[in-house]
Amino acid sequence: MVGQHLGPFELVLTSSSPRTLETALAMGFAVTDQVGVLGDITPAVVEEIGHHDRWHWKQPFVRFAEFTALHGPTAEMGQNQREIWQRALEAVSSEGQVLIISHGRVIESGLVTCFPGSDFSSWGAPFQHCEGVHMEYAEGQFSNLQFRRIPT
């Protein structure tokens, strides 16, 4: 259902986890490449932010921003996402779109890294399965962030 309303994509990336590959295929998209960093949640990240703790945070994106400001493991994970997202977007045409299928904690840390200074308190809950964002990228800057949530 989600895949019917997306695309087309010039580039489709997933983490190396089989479930992200399976999600892309179930959505009807051939995967261009699997990139390990898209699912790289190190033990240090788990120690810093926990595993499912984010589900209980009152303002999860505010918390992710606080952790990235500490310049520790979560900040490194967020920066790694920003870099891979930029490389992917710079690899397609100016009108091209990229689909990246990743994991909770990874996506959230990347977003607060790509959109510093945003009103994170307005961003809502952490992502559920098949949720994410649409954003634009030009001249080294991310913009026009739009959350894509599954209706309840």
N, C-alpha and C. Protein backbone atom coordinates (compact mmCIF):
# COMPACT_ATOMS: atom_id res chain seq x y z
N MET A 1 0.82 -1.19 0.00
CA MET A 1 0.00 0.00 0.00
C MET A 1 0.87 1.26 0.00
N VAL A 2 1.90 1.30 0.84
CA VAL A 2 2.75 2.49 0.92
C VAL A 2 3.48 2.72 -0.40
N GLY A 3 4.00 1.66 -1.00
CA GLY A 3 4.76 1.78 -2.23
C GLY A 3 3.95 2.29 -3.41
N GLN A 4 2.65 2.10 -3.39
CA GLN A 4 1.80 2.55 -4.48
C GLN A 4 1.77 4.07 -4.61
N HIS A 5 2.12 4.76 -3.55
CA HIS A 5 2.04 6.22 -3.54
C HIS A 5 3.41 6.88 -3.59
N LEU A 6 4.43 6.11 -3.93
CA LEU A 6 5.80 6.62 -3.96
C LEU A 6 6.43 6.40 -5.33
N GLY A 7 7.51 7.15 -5.56
CA GLY A 7 8.33 6.92 -6.74
C GLY A 7 7.93 7.81 -7.89
N PRO A 8 8.59 7.63 -9.00
CA PRO A 8 9.68 6.67 -9.23
C PRO A 8 10.99 7.14 -8.59
N PHE A 9 11.91 6.21 -8.42
CA PHE A 9 13.19 6.50 -7.78
C PHE A 9 14.33 6.13 -8.71
N GLU A 10 15.32 6.99 -8.77
CA GLU A 10 16.54 6.69 -9.53
C GLU A 10 17.47 5.79 -8.73
N LEU A 11 17.35 5.85 -7.41
CA LEU A 11 18.25 5.12 -6.53
C LEU A 11 17.45 4.63 -5.33
N VAL A 12 17.59 3.34 -5.01
CA VAL A 12 16.93 2.77 -3.84
C VAL A 12 18.01 2.10 -3.00
N LEU A 13 18.16 2.58 -1.77
CA LEU A 13 19.17 2.05 -0.85
C LEU A 13 18.49 1.49 0.39
N THR A 14 19.04 0.38 0.88
CA THR A 14 18.58 -0.18 2.14
C THR A 14 19.81 -0.46 2.99
N SER A 15 19.55 -0.75 4.26
CA SER A 15 20.65 -1.22 5.10
C SER A 15 20.98 -2.65 4.67
N SER A 16 21.94 -3.25 5.32
CA SER A 16 22.29 -4.63 4.98
C SER A 16 21.38 -5.64 5.68
N SER A 17 20.43 -5.17 6.47
CA SER A 17 19.47 -6.04 7.13
C SER A 17 18.47 -6.59 6.11
N PRO A 18 18.25 -7.89 6.10
CA PRO A 18 17.30 -8.46 5.14
C PRO A 18 15.91 -7.83 5.19
N ARG A 19 15.47 -7.40 6.36
CA ARG A 19 14.11 -6.85 6.43
C ARG A 19 13.96 -5.54 5.67
N THR A 20 15.03 -4.76 5.54
CA THR A 20 14.91 -3.52 4.76
C THR A 20 14.86 -3.84 3.27
N LEU A 21 15.63 -4.82 2.84
CA LEU A 21 15.57 -5.28 1.45
C LEU A 21 14.17 -5.82 1.14
N GLU A 22 13.64 -6.64 2.04
CA GLU A 22 12.31 -7.20 1.86
C GLU A 22 11.24 -6.12 1.81
N THR A 23 11.40 -5.07 2.61
CA THR A 23 10.45 -3.96 2.60
C THR A 23 10.46 -3.26 1.25
N ALA A 24 11.64 -2.97 0.72
CA ALA A 24 11.74 -2.32 -0.59
C ALA A 24 11.07 -3.18 -1.67
N LEU A 25 11.35 -4.47 -1.66
CA LEU A 25 10.77 -5.36 -2.66
C LEU A 25 9.26 -5.45 -2.51
N ALA A 26 8.78 -5.54 -1.28
CA ALA A 26 7.33 -5.60 -1.04
C ALA A 26 6.63 -4.32 -1.49
N MET A 27 7.36 -3.20 -1.45
CA MET A 27 6.81 -1.93 -1.90
C MET A 27 6.88 -1.79 -3.42
N GLY A 28 7.54 -2.74 -4.07
CA GLY A 28 7.60 -2.73 -5.53
C GLY A 28 8.84 -2.07 -6.11
N PHE A 29 9.90 -1.93 -5.32
CA PHE A 29 11.10 -1.24 -5.79
C PHE A 29 12.31 -2.16 -5.78
N ALA A 30 13.03 -2.17 -6.89
CA ALA A 30 14.29 -2.90 -6.96
C ALA A 30 15.34 -2.13 -6.18
N VAL A 31 16.15 -2.83 -5.43
CA VAL A 31 17.18 -2.19 -4.60
C VAL A 31 18.45 -2.01 -5.43
N THR A 32 18.95 -0.78 -5.42
CA THR A 32 20.19 -0.46 -6.12
C THR A 32 21.38 -0.98 -5.34
N ASP A 33 21.36 -0.75 -4.02
CA ASP A 33 22.50 -1.16 -3.19
C ASP A 33 22.06 -1.28 -1.74
N GLN A 34 22.77 -2.13 -1.00
CA GLN A 34 22.60 -2.23 0.44
C GLN A 34 23.83 -1.62 1.08
N VAL A 35 23.61 -0.69 2.01
CA VAL A 35 24.69 0.08 2.61
C VAL A 35 24.66 -0.14 4.12
N GLY A 36 25.72 -0.74 4.64
CA GLY A 36 25.76 -1.11 6.05
C GLY A 36 25.51 0.04 7.01
N VAL A 37 26.03 1.22 6.70
CA VAL A 37 25.90 2.36 7.62
C VAL A 37 24.44 2.77 7.83
N LEU A 38 23.55 2.40 6.91
CA LEU A 38 22.14 2.73 7.07
C LEU A 38 21.47 1.96 8.20
N GLY A 39 22.14 0.94 8.70
CA GLY A 39 21.60 0.18 9.81
C GLY A 39 22.59 0.00 10.94
N ASP A 40 23.61 0.83 10.94
CA ASP A 40 24.71 0.68 11.90
C ASP A 40 24.36 1.32 13.24
N ILE A 41 23.79 0.51 14.12
CA ILE A 41 23.49 0.95 15.48
C ILE A 41 24.49 0.25 16.38
N THR A 42 25.53 0.97 16.74
CA THR A 42 26.63 0.36 17.50
C THR A 42 26.22 0.11 18.96
N PRO A 43 26.94 -0.76 19.65
CA PRO A 43 26.68 -0.95 21.08
C PRO A 43 26.80 0.37 21.86
N ALA A 44 27.68 1.26 21.42
CA ALA A 44 27.82 2.55 22.11
C ALA A 44 26.56 3.40 21.95
N VAL A 45 25.92 3.33 20.78
CA VAL A 45 24.66 4.05 20.59
C VAL A 45 23.59 3.46 21.50
N VAL A 46 23.50 2.14 21.54
CA VAL A 46 22.51 1.49 22.40
C VAL A 46 22.75 1.88 23.86
N GLU A 47 24.00 1.94 24.26
CA GLU A 47 24.33 2.33 25.63
C GLU A 47 23.90 3.78 25.89
N GLU A 48 24.06 4.64 24.88
CA GLU A 48 23.74 6.05 25.06
C GLU A 48 22.24 6.31 25.04
N ILE A 49 21.51 5.72 24.09
CA ILE A 49 20.09 6.05 23.94
C ILE A 49 19.13 4.89 24.17
N GLY A 50 19.65 3.70 24.39
CA GLY A 50 18.79 2.54 24.63
C GLY A 50 18.29 1.93 23.34
N HIS A 51 17.44 0.94 23.51
CA HIS A 51 16.89 0.23 22.35
C HIS A 51 15.49 0.73 22.02
N HIS A 52 14.55 0.49 22.89
CA HIS A 52 13.17 0.95 22.66
C HIS A 52 12.81 2.15 23.53
N ASP A 53 13.78 2.72 24.18
CA ASP A 53 13.54 3.84 25.09
C ASP A 53 12.82 4.99 24.40
N ARG A 54 13.14 5.24 23.14
CA ARG A 54 12.59 6.39 22.42
C ARG A 54 11.07 6.38 22.39
N TRP A 55 10.46 5.21 22.49
CA TRP A 55 8.99 5.12 22.46
C TRP A 55 8.37 5.77 23.69
N HIS A 56 9.16 5.95 24.73
CA HIS A 56 8.63 6.51 25.98
C HIS A 56 9.07 7.96 26.20
N TRP A 57 9.89 8.49 25.31
CA TRP A 57 10.33 9.87 25.46
C TRP A 57 9.17 10.80 25.11
N LYS A 58 8.98 11.83 25.92
CA LYS A 58 7.89 12.77 25.69
C LYS A 58 8.07 13.51 24.35
N GLN A 59 9.27 13.95 24.06
CA GLN A 59 9.57 14.63 22.80
C GLN A 59 10.82 13.96 22.19
N PRO A 60 10.62 12.88 21.45
CA PRO A 60 11.76 12.08 21.00
C PRO A 60 12.76 12.83 20.13
N PHE A 61 12.30 13.69 19.24
CA PHE A 61 13.26 14.38 18.38
C PHE A 61 14.06 15.43 19.16
N VAL A 62 13.45 16.00 20.19
CA VAL A 62 14.20 16.90 21.08
C VAL A 62 15.30 16.10 21.76
N ARG A 63 14.97 14.92 22.23
CA ARG A 63 15.97 14.06 22.88
C ARG A 63 17.08 13.65 21.92
N PHE A 64 16.72 13.29 20.69
CA PHE A 64 17.75 12.95 19.70
C PHE A 64 18.67 14.14 19.46
N ALA A 65 18.10 15.34 19.38
CA ALA A 65 18.93 16.54 19.20
C ALA A 65 19.84 16.75 20.40
N GLU A 66 19.35 16.50 21.60
CA GLU A 66 20.20 16.63 22.79
C GLU A 66 21.36 15.64 22.75
N PHE A 67 21.08 14.41 22.33
CA PHE A 67 22.15 13.42 22.24
C PHE A 67 23.15 13.77 21.14
N THR A 68 22.67 14.28 20.00
CA THR A 68 23.63 14.63 18.95
C THR A 68 24.49 15.82 19.37
N ALA A 69 23.96 16.68 20.22
CA ALA A 69 24.74 17.83 20.71
C ALA A 69 25.88 17.40 21.63
N LEU A 70 25.81 16.18 22.15
CA LEU A 70 26.87 15.67 23.03
C LEU A 70 28.11 15.21 22.25
N HIS A 71 27.98 15.11 20.92
CA HIS A 71 29.08 14.70 20.04
C HIS A 71 29.60 13.31 20.36
N GLY A 72 28.70 12.45 20.81
CA GLY A 72 29.06 11.07 21.13
C GLY A 72 28.61 10.12 20.03
N PRO A 73 28.31 8.88 20.40
CA PRO A 73 27.94 7.85 19.41
C PRO A 73 26.69 8.19 18.60
N THR A 74 25.67 8.77 19.22
CA THR A 74 24.46 9.11 18.48
C THR A 74 24.75 10.22 17.48
N ALA A 75 25.57 11.18 17.86
CA ALA A 75 25.97 12.24 16.93
C ALA A 75 26.74 11.67 15.74
N GLU A 76 27.61 10.72 16.01
CA GLU A 76 28.36 10.08 14.93
C GLU A 76 27.43 9.33 13.99
N MET A 77 26.46 8.61 14.55
CA MET A 77 25.49 7.90 13.73
C MET A 77 24.70 8.89 12.87
N GLY A 78 24.28 10.00 13.45
CA GLY A 78 23.56 11.02 12.69
C GLY A 78 24.39 11.62 11.58
N GLN A 79 25.65 11.89 11.87
CA GLN A 79 26.54 12.45 10.84
C GLN A 79 26.77 11.44 9.72
N ASN A 80 26.89 10.17 10.07
CA ASN A 80 27.05 9.13 9.05
C ASN A 80 25.84 9.08 8.13
N GLN A 81 24.64 9.28 8.70
CA GLN A 81 23.43 9.29 7.88
C GLN A 81 23.44 10.49 6.96
N ARG A 82 23.76 11.64 7.50
CA ARG A 82 23.80 12.85 6.66
C ARG A 82 24.74 12.65 5.47
N GLU A 83 25.89 12.08 5.72
CA GLU A 83 26.86 11.89 4.64
C GLU A 83 26.36 10.92 3.59
N ILE A 84 25.77 9.79 3.99
CA ILE A 84 25.30 8.83 3.00
C ILE A 84 24.08 9.37 2.26
N TRP A 85 23.22 10.11 2.96
CA TRP A 85 22.07 10.71 2.29
C TRP A 85 22.52 11.73 1.27
N GLN A 86 23.50 12.55 1.63
CA GLN A 86 24.02 13.54 0.68
C GLN A 86 24.62 12.87 -0.55
N ARG A 87 25.46 11.87 -0.32
CA ARG A 87 26.09 11.17 -1.47
C ARG A 87 25.03 10.57 -2.38
N ALA A 88 24.00 9.98 -1.79
CA ALA A 88 22.94 9.38 -2.60
C ALA A 88 22.22 10.46 -3.42
N LEU A 89 21.88 11.56 -2.80
CA LEU A 89 21.16 12.62 -3.50
C LEU A 89 22.02 13.31 -4.55
N GLU A 90 23.30 13.39 -4.31
CA GLU A 90 24.20 14.00 -5.29
C GLU A 90 24.49 13.06 -6.46
N ALA A 91 24.14 11.77 -6.32
CA ALA A 91 24.39 10.78 -7.37
C ALA A 91 23.27 10.71 -8.40
N VAL A 92 22.14 11.34 -8.13
CA VAL A 92 21.02 11.29 -9.06
C VAL A 92 20.87 12.64 -9.77
N SER A 93 20.04 12.65 -10.80
CA SER A 93 19.80 13.89 -11.54
C SER A 93 19.14 14.93 -10.64
N SER A 94 19.13 16.17 -11.09
CA SER A 94 18.56 17.24 -10.26
C SER A 94 17.07 17.03 -9.98
N GLU A 95 16.38 16.31 -10.83
CA GLU A 95 14.97 16.00 -10.62
C GLU A 95 14.77 14.61 -10.02
N GLY A 96 15.86 13.87 -9.84
CA GLY A 96 15.78 12.50 -9.38
C GLY A 96 15.41 12.38 -7.91
N GLN A 97 14.82 11.23 -7.60
CA GLN A 97 14.45 10.94 -6.23
C GLN A 97 15.19 9.70 -5.74
N VAL A 98 15.41 9.67 -4.42
CA VAL A 98 16.10 8.57 -3.78
C VAL A 98 15.17 8.02 -2.70
N LEU A 99 15.10 6.69 -2.60
CA LEU A 99 14.39 6.05 -1.50
C LEU A 99 15.44 5.35 -0.64
N ILE A 100 15.40 5.66 0.65
CA ILE A 100 16.30 5.01 1.60
C ILE A 100 15.44 4.34 2.66
N ILE A 101 15.66 3.05 2.84
CA ILE A 101 14.93 2.29 3.85
C ILE A 101 15.92 1.90 4.94
N SER A 102 15.65 2.35 6.14
CA SER A 102 16.60 2.19 7.23
C SER A 102 15.86 1.76 8.49
N HIS A 103 16.30 2.25 9.63
CA HIS A 103 15.81 1.78 10.93
C HIS A 103 15.54 2.94 11.87
N GLY A 104 14.65 2.68 12.84
CA GLY A 104 14.42 3.62 13.91
C GLY A 104 15.73 3.89 14.65
N ARG A 105 15.85 5.03 15.20
CA ARG A 105 17.04 5.59 15.85
C ARG A 105 18.01 6.11 14.79
N VAL A 106 18.25 5.33 13.75
CA VAL A 106 19.17 5.75 12.69
C VAL A 106 18.56 6.94 11.94
N ILE A 107 17.31 6.80 11.52
CA ILE A 107 16.66 7.85 10.76
C ILE A 107 16.51 9.11 11.61
N GLU A 108 16.04 8.96 12.84
CA GLU A 108 15.82 10.12 13.70
C GLU A 108 17.11 10.89 13.96
N SER A 109 18.20 10.17 14.21
CA SER A 109 19.47 10.86 14.45
C SER A 109 19.94 11.58 13.19
N GLY A 110 19.71 10.98 12.03
CA GLY A 110 20.08 11.63 10.77
C GLY A 110 19.28 12.89 10.52
N LEU A 111 17.99 12.83 10.82
CA LEU A 111 17.14 14.00 10.58
C LEU A 111 17.53 15.19 11.44
N VAL A 112 17.76 14.96 12.73
CA VAL A 112 18.13 16.11 13.57
C VAL A 112 19.50 16.65 13.16
N THR A 113 20.34 15.80 12.58
CA THR A 113 21.64 16.26 12.09
C THR A 113 21.47 17.08 10.81
N CYS A 114 20.56 16.67 9.95
CA CYS A 114 20.34 17.38 8.67
C CYS A 114 19.56 18.67 8.83
N PHE A 115 18.79 18.79 9.91
CA PHE A 115 17.94 19.96 10.11
C PHE A 115 18.22 20.61 11.47
N PRO A 116 19.46 21.02 11.70
CA PRO A 116 19.79 21.61 13.00
C PRO A 116 19.00 22.90 13.23
N GLY A 117 18.65 23.13 14.47
CA GLY A 117 17.93 24.36 14.79
C GLY A 117 16.44 24.31 14.50
N SER A 118 15.93 23.16 14.08
CA SER A 118 14.50 23.04 13.79
C SER A 118 13.71 22.96 15.09
N ASP A 119 12.42 23.13 14.97
CA ASP A 119 11.53 22.99 16.12
C ASP A 119 11.23 21.51 16.31
N PHE A 120 12.15 20.79 16.94
CA PHE A 120 12.03 19.35 17.10
C PHE A 120 10.83 18.95 17.94
N SER A 121 10.35 19.85 18.78
CA SER A 121 9.20 19.52 19.63
C SER A 121 7.93 19.33 18.79
N SER A 122 7.91 19.86 17.58
CA SER A 122 6.73 19.74 16.72
C SER A 122 6.77 18.51 15.81
N TRP A 123 7.84 17.72 15.89
CA TRP A 123 8.02 16.61 14.96
C TRP A 123 7.28 15.35 15.36
N GLY A 124 6.78 15.26 16.56
CA GLY A 124 5.96 14.12 16.95
C GLY A 124 6.74 12.90 17.39
N ALA A 125 6.10 11.77 17.23
CA ALA A 125 6.61 10.49 17.71
C ALA A 125 7.73 9.95 16.83
N PRO A 126 8.50 9.00 17.37
CA PRO A 126 9.48 8.31 16.53
C PRO A 126 8.73 7.55 15.43
N PHE A 127 9.45 7.13 14.42
CA PHE A 127 8.81 6.49 13.28
C PHE A 127 8.35 5.07 13.58
N GLN A 128 7.17 4.76 13.08
CA GLN A 128 6.65 3.39 13.05
C GLN A 128 7.13 2.74 11.75
N HIS A 129 6.83 1.47 11.58
CA HIS A 129 7.18 0.79 10.34
C HIS A 129 6.56 1.50 9.14
N CYS A 130 7.32 1.64 8.08
CA CYS A 130 6.90 2.24 6.81
C CYS A 130 6.63 3.73 6.90
N GLU A 131 7.06 4.39 7.96
CA GLU A 131 6.95 5.83 8.05
C GLU A 131 8.30 6.46 7.76
N GLY A 132 8.29 7.72 7.42
CA GLY A 132 9.54 8.41 7.12
C GLY A 132 9.29 9.85 6.76
N VAL A 133 10.14 10.37 5.91
CA VAL A 133 10.05 11.76 5.50
C VAL A 133 10.31 11.89 4.00
N HIS A 134 9.83 12.98 3.48
CA HIS A 134 10.19 13.43 2.15
C HIS A 134 10.92 14.75 2.38
N MET A 135 12.05 14.92 1.73
CA MET A 135 12.79 16.17 1.88
C MET A 135 13.48 16.49 0.57
N GLU A 136 13.83 17.73 0.42
CA GLU A 136 14.54 18.18 -0.77
C GLU A 136 15.99 18.46 -0.41
N TYR A 137 16.82 18.45 -1.45
CA TYR A 137 18.24 18.69 -1.25
C TYR A 137 18.76 19.44 -2.46
N ALA A 138 19.44 20.54 -2.20
CA ALA A 138 20.06 21.32 -3.28
C ALA A 138 21.22 22.12 -2.70
N GLU A 139 22.28 22.17 -3.45
CA GLU A 139 23.45 22.98 -3.09
C GLU A 139 23.93 22.70 -1.66
N GLY A 140 23.95 21.42 -1.29
CA GLY A 140 24.49 21.03 0.00
C GLY A 140 23.57 21.24 1.19
N GLN A 141 22.30 21.59 0.93
CA GLN A 141 21.36 21.87 2.02
C GLN A 141 20.10 21.03 1.89
N PHE A 142 19.65 20.51 3.01
CA PHE A 142 18.36 19.82 3.07
C PHE A 142 17.29 20.85 3.37
N SER A 143 16.10 20.65 2.79
CA SER A 143 15.01 21.60 3.02
C SER A 143 13.67 20.90 2.81
N ASN A 144 12.60 21.64 3.06
CA ASN A 144 11.24 21.21 2.80
C ASN A 144 10.94 19.83 3.38
N LEU A 145 11.17 19.67 4.65
CA LEU A 145 10.94 18.41 5.34
C LEU A 145 9.44 18.18 5.52
N GLN A 146 8.98 17.01 5.07
CA GLN A 146 7.58 16.64 5.20
C GLN A 146 7.50 15.23 5.77
N PHE A 147 6.85 15.09 6.90
CA PHE A 147 6.71 13.79 7.53
C PHE A 147 5.65 12.96 6.82
N ARG A 148 5.95 11.69 6.64
CA ARG A 148 5.01 10.74 6.01
C ARG A 148 4.65 9.70 7.08
N ARG A 149 3.46 9.85 7.62
CA ARG A 149 3.00 8.97 8.69
C ARG A 149 1.88 8.06 8.15
N ILE A 150 1.81 6.87 8.71
CA ILE A 150 0.75 5.92 8.38
C ILE A 150 -0.49 6.34 9.18
N PRO A 151 -1.62 6.53 8.51
CA PRO A 151 -2.83 6.92 9.26
C PRO A 151 -3.21 5.83 10.26
N THR A 152 -3.69 6.27 11.42
CA THR A 152 -4.07 5.30 12.45
C THR A 152 -5.54 4.94 12.30
